């Protein structure tokens, strides 16, 4: 059983719906000078110990990606080639995006450089980033003065 993503705020929901509307109405989003651009779908999750970034990249090869971290910005770039075209076949519909992409993710907190790992399996690229020790949530007991003085 998969876990549903958390409810979206009103602006994120509006952005998603407007994107869906324009994609359905106009087709693929245009790039500069008519070139097609694409951005693979991405999930960003947080656990008490780490951040997990997952991109959906079915049909791509693991060696076609580059992952780097500068400060708190994770950059994932790469490409997905179009599958070979059948001789004599004409497209009736073309919805599979291909070509180069780049995704930048600003992380909400610092991460340990030694705690970075990435893997590609079953069409998903996953990047795991361990939080720095002081970025991990912890419980601190606050003493209460019985005489009401803070």
C-alpha atoms as a PDB file:
ATOM      1  CA  UNK A   1       0.000   0.000   0.000  1.00  0.00           C
ATOM      2  CA  UNK A   2       1.489   3.330  -1.012  1.00  0.00           C
ATOM      3  CA  UNK A   3       1.313   6.398   1.143  1.00  0.00           C
ATOM      4  CA  UNK A   4      -0.467   9.403  -0.346  1.00  0.00           C
ATOM      5  CA  UNK A   5       1.519  12.638  -0.539  1.00  0.00           C
ATOM      6  CA  UNK A   6       0.600  15.281   2.029  1.00  0.00           C
ATOM      7  CA  UNK A   7      -2.199  17.694   1.135  1.00  0.00           C
ATOM      8  CA  UNK A   8      -0.995  20.586  -0.982  1.00  0.00           C
ATOM      9  CA  UNK A   9      -1.334  24.224  -0.053  1.00  0.00           C
ATOM     10  CA  UNK A  10      -3.692  26.349  -2.168  1.00  0.00           C
ATOM     11  CA  UNK A  11      -0.918  27.853  -4.316  1.00  0.00           C
ATOM     12  CA  UNK A  12       0.824  24.529  -4.976  1.00  0.00           C
ATOM     13  CA  UNK A  13      -2.517  22.971  -5.888  1.00  0.00           C
ATOM     14  CA  UNK A  14      -3.328  25.880  -8.212  1.00  0.00           C
ATOM     15  CA  UNK A  15       0.113  25.605  -9.866  1.00  0.00           C
ATOM     16  CA  UNK A  16      -0.339  21.869 -10.432  1.00  0.00           C
ATOM     17  CA  UNK A  17      -3.812  22.301 -11.893  1.00  0.00           C
ATOM     18  CA  UNK A  18      -2.740  25.166 -14.183  1.00  0.00           C
ATOM     19  CA  UNK A  19       0.201  23.075 -15.395  1.00  0.00           C
ATOM     20  CA  UNK A  20      -2.118  20.169 -16.110  1.00  0.00           C
ATOM     21  CA  UNK A  21      -4.565  22.460 -17.943  1.00  0.00           C
ATOM     22  CA  UNK A  22      -1.868  23.954 -20.200  1.00  0.00           C
ATOM     23  CA  UNK A  23      -0.316  20.551 -20.894  1.00  0.00           C
ATOM     24  CA  UNK A  24      -3.694  19.066 -21.862  1.00  0.00           C
ATOM     25  CA  UNK A  25      -4.677  22.107 -23.932  1.00  0.00           C
ATOM     26  CA  UNK A  26      -1.382  22.903 -25.672  1.00  0.00           C
ATOM     27  CA  UNK A  27       0.500  19.598 -25.397  1.00  0.00           C
ATOM     28  CA  UNK A  28       4.140  19.594 -24.368  1.00  0.00           C
ATOM     29  CA  UNK A  29       5.441  22.815 -22.854  1.00  0.00           C
ATOM     30  CA  UNK A  30       7.472  24.748 -25.441  1.00  0.00           C
ATOM     31  CA  UNK A  31      11.090  25.650 -24.827  1.00  0.00           C
ATOM     32  CA  UNK A  32      13.148  28.399 -26.396  1.00  0.00           C
ATOM     33  CA  UNK A  33      12.644  28.733 -30.153  1.00  0.00           C
ATOM     34  CA  UNK A  34      10.203  25.851 -30.325  1.00  0.00           C
ATOM     35  CA  UNK A  35      12.520  23.263 -28.735  1.00  0.00           C
ATOM     36  CA  UNK A  36      10.813  20.830 -26.415  1.00  0.00           C
ATOM     37  CA  UNK A  37      11.865  20.890 -22.773  1.00  0.00           C
ATOM     38  CA  UNK A  38      11.002  18.405 -20.091  1.00  0.00           C
ATOM     39  CA  UNK A  39      11.452  17.983 -16.427  1.00  0.00           C
ATOM     40  CA  UNK A  40      11.121  14.509 -14.932  1.00  0.00           C
ATOM     41  CA  UNK A  41       8.579  14.178 -12.114  1.00  0.00           C
ATOM     42  CA  UNK A  42      10.186  14.376  -8.691  1.00  0.00           C
ATOM     43  CA  UNK A  43       9.309  13.631  -5.061  1.00  0.00           C
ATOM     44  CA  UNK A  44      11.240  15.130  -2.136  1.00  0.00           C
ATOM     45  CA  UNK A  45      10.768  13.418   1.225  1.00  0.00           C
ATOM     46  CA  UNK A  46      12.125  14.102   4.695  1.00  0.00           C
ATOM     47  CA  UNK A  47      12.725  11.655   7.516  1.00  0.00           C
ATOM     48  CA  UNK A  48      14.222  12.480  10.914  1.00  0.00           C
ATOM     49  CA  UNK A  49      17.637  11.320   9.596  1.00  0.00           C
ATOM     50  CA  UNK A  50      17.727  12.327   5.916  1.00  0.00           C
ATOM     51  CA  UNK A  51      16.237  13.902   2.807  1.00  0.00           C
ATOM     52  CA  UNK A  52      15.262  11.609  -0.049  1.00  0.00           C
ATOM     53  CA  UNK A  53      14.908  12.911  -3.609  1.00  0.00           C
ATOM     54  CA  UNK A  54      13.322  10.568  -6.152  1.00  0.00           C
ATOM     55  CA  UNK A  55      12.997  11.195  -9.906  1.00  0.00           C
ATOM     56  CA  UNK A  56      10.962   9.117 -12.330  1.00  0.00           C
ATOM     57  CA  UNK A  57      13.234   8.344 -15.299  1.00  0.00           C
ATOM     58  CA  UNK A  58      11.921   5.231 -17.009  1.00  0.00           C
ATOM     59  CA  UNK A  59      13.877   4.323 -20.116  1.00  0.00           C
ATOM     60  CA  UNK A  60      17.023   6.193 -19.100  1.00  0.00           C
ATOM     61  CA  UNK A  61      20.400   4.645 -18.310  1.00  0.00           C
ATOM     62  CA  UNK A  62      22.102   5.129 -14.942  1.00  0.00           C
ATOM     63  CA  UNK A  63      25.325   6.385 -16.544  1.00  0.00           C
ATOM     64  CA  UNK A  64      23.434   9.286 -18.158  1.00  0.00           C
ATOM     65  CA  UNK A  65      22.936  11.202 -14.864  1.00  0.00           C
ATOM     66  CA  UNK A  66      25.067  13.597 -12.871  1.00  0.00           C
ATOM     67  CA  UNK A  67      24.322  14.491  -9.250  1.00  0.00           C
ATOM     68  CA  UNK A  68      26.093  17.308  -7.399  1.00  0.00           C
ATOM     69  CA  UNK A  69      25.632  19.299  -4.217  1.00  0.00           C
ATOM     70  CA  UNK A  70      26.628  22.940  -3.751  1.00  0.00           C
ATOM     71  CA  UNK A  71      25.822  24.213  -0.274  1.00  0.00           C
ATOM     72  CA  UNK A  72      22.206  23.182   0.263  1.00  0.00           C
ATOM     73  CA  UNK A  73      21.310  22.944  -3.439  1.00  0.00           C
ATOM     74  CA  UNK A  74      21.157  19.492  -4.996  1.00  0.00           C
ATOM     75  CA  UNK A  75      21.497  19.512  -8.788  1.00  0.00           C
ATOM     76  CA  UNK A  76      20.494  16.506 -10.875  1.00  0.00           C
ATOM     77  CA  UNK A  77      21.073  16.598 -14.615  1.00  0.00           C
ATOM     78  CA  UNK A  78      21.163  14.086 -17.412  1.00  0.00           C
ATOM     79  CA  UNK A  79      19.410  12.928 -20.512  1.00  0.00           C
ATOM     80  CA  UNK A  80      17.005  10.320 -21.743  1.00  0.00           C
ATOM     81  CA  UNK A  81      17.257   9.268 -25.372  1.00  0.00           C
ATOM     82  CA  UNK A  82      14.207   8.551 -27.466  1.00  0.00           C
ATOM     83  CA  UNK A  83      13.734   4.821 -28.045  1.00  0.00           C
ATOM     84  CA  UNK A  84      14.612   3.569 -31.549  1.00  0.00           C
ATOM     85  CA  UNK A  85      11.879   4.288 -34.063  1.00  0.00           C
ATOM     86  CA  UNK A  86      10.301   1.424 -35.976  1.00  0.00           C
ATOM     87  CA  UNK A  87      11.175   1.558 -39.693  1.00  0.00           C
ATOM     88  CA  UNK A  88       8.276   3.021 -41.669  1.00  0.00           C
ATOM     89  CA  UNK A  89       6.235   3.884 -38.560  1.00  0.00           C
ATOM     90  CA  UNK A  90       4.642   7.309 -38.086  1.00  0.00           C
ATOM     91  CA  UNK A  91       3.641   8.808 -34.754  1.00  0.00           C
ATOM     92  CA  UNK A  92      -0.078   9.088 -34.106  1.00  0.00           C
ATOM     93  CA  UNK A  93       0.652  10.454 -30.644  1.00  0.00           C
ATOM     94  CA  UNK A  94       3.961  11.434 -29.012  1.00  0.00           C
ATOM     95  CA  UNK A  95       3.899  12.046 -25.267  1.00  0.00           C
ATOM     96  CA  UNK A  96       7.186  10.557 -24.065  1.00  0.00           C
ATOM     97  CA  UNK A  97       9.648  13.289 -23.250  1.00  0.00           C
ATOM     98  CA  UNK A  98      13.302  12.827 -24.071  1.00  0.00           C
ATOM     99  CA  UNK A  99      16.455  14.897 -24.255  1.00  0.00           C
ATOM    100  CA  UNK A 100      18.429  16.732 -21.583  1.00  0.00           C
ATOM    101  CA  UNK A 101      17.063  17.844 -18.232  1.00  0.00           C
ATOM    102  CA  UNK A 102      18.196  19.563 -15.060  1.00  0.00           C
ATOM    103  CA  UNK A 103      16.464  19.716 -11.685  1.00  0.00           C
ATOM    104  CA  UNK A 104      17.663  21.848  -8.768  1.00  0.00           C
ATOM    105  CA  UNK A 105      16.399  21.202  -5.249  1.00  0.00           C
ATOM    106  CA  UNK A 106      17.060  23.612  -2.394  1.00  0.00           C
ATOM    107  CA  UNK A 107      17.225  21.498   0.738  1.00  0.00           C
ATOM    108  CA  UNK A 108      15.662  22.898   3.915  1.00  0.00           C
ATOM    109  CA  UNK A 109      18.739  22.166   6.039  1.00  0.00           C
ATOM    110  CA  UNK A 110      22.441  21.278   5.917  1.00  0.00           C
ATOM    111  CA  UNK A 111      23.561  17.748   5.005  1.00  0.00           C
ATOM    112  CA  UNK A 112      26.618  15.603   5.708  1.00  0.00           C
ATOM    113  CA  UNK A 113      28.863  15.376   2.647  1.00  0.00           C
ATOM    114  CA  UNK A 114      29.913  11.885   3.700  1.00  0.00           C
ATOM    115  CA  UNK A 115      26.246  10.849   3.914  1.00  0.00           C
ATOM    116  CA  UNK A 116      25.343  11.272   0.225  1.00  0.00           C
ATOM    117  CA  UNK A 117      24.335   8.317  -1.924  1.00  0.00           C
ATOM    118  CA  UNK A 118      22.451   7.770  -5.179  1.00  0.00           C
ATOM    119  CA  UNK A 119      21.065   4.758  -6.993  1.00  0.00           C
ATOM    120  CA  UNK A 120      19.072   4.037 -10.140  1.00  0.00           C
ATOM    121  CA  UNK A 121      16.736   1.052 -10.282  1.00  0.00           C
ATOM    122  CA  UNK A 122      13.449   0.197 -11.989  1.00  0.00           C
ATOM    123  CA  UNK A 123      13.201   3.626 -13.645  1.00  0.00           C
ATOM    124  CA  UNK A 124      13.728   5.668 -10.468  1.00  0.00           C
ATOM    125  CA  UNK A 125      16.781   7.696  -9.510  1.00  0.00           C
ATOM    126  CA  UNK A 126      16.986   8.060  -5.721  1.00  0.00           C
ATOM    127  CA  UNK A 127      19.352  10.409  -3.927  1.00  0.00           C
ATOM    128  CA  UNK A 128      19.690  10.083  -0.140  1.00  0.00           C
ATOM    129  CA  UNK A 129      21.249  12.949   1.844  1.00  0.00           C
ATOM    130  CA  UNK A 130      21.949  12.492   5.542  1.00  0.00           C
ATOM    131  CA  UNK A 131      21.131  15.510   7.691  1.00  0.00           C
ATOM    132  CA  UNK A 132      23.891  17.138   9.710  1.00  0.00           C
ATOM    133  CA  UNK A 133      23.670  16.182  13.372  1.00  0.00           C
ATOM    134  CA  UNK A 134      22.403  19.586  14.497  1.00  0.00           C
ATOM    135  CA  UNK A 135      19.731  19.589  11.751  1.00  0.00           C
ATOM    136  CA  UNK A 136      18.089  16.443  13.087  1.00  0.00           C
ATOM    137  CA  UNK A 137      15.047  17.061  15.241  1.00  0.00           C
ATOM    138  CA  UNK A 138      15.510  16.402  18.909  1.00  0.00           C
ATOM    139  CA  UNK A 139      13.426  16.880  22.019  1.00  0.00           C
ATOM    140  CA  UNK A 140      14.657  19.289  24.647  1.00  0.00           C
ATOM    141  CA  UNK A 141      13.001  19.458  28.048  1.00  0.00           C
ATOM    142  CA  UNK A 142      12.422  23.044  29.160  1.00  0.00           C
ATOM    143  CA  UNK A 143      12.309  23.554  32.933  1.00  0.00           C
ATOM    144  CA  UNK A 144       9.311  25.495  34.200  1.00  0.00           C
ATOM    145  CA  UNK A 145       9.862  27.955  37.018  1.00  0.00           C
ATOM    146  CA  UNK A 146       7.226  27.257  39.681  1.00  0.00           C
ATOM    147  CA  UNK A 147       7.085  30.929  40.625  1.00  0.00           C
ATOM    148  CA  UNK A 148       6.146  32.015  37.093  1.00  0.00           C
ATOM    149  CA  UNK A 149       9.424  33.704  36.154  1.00  0.00           C
ATOM    150  CA  UNK A 150      10.787  32.825  32.712  1.00  0.00           C
END
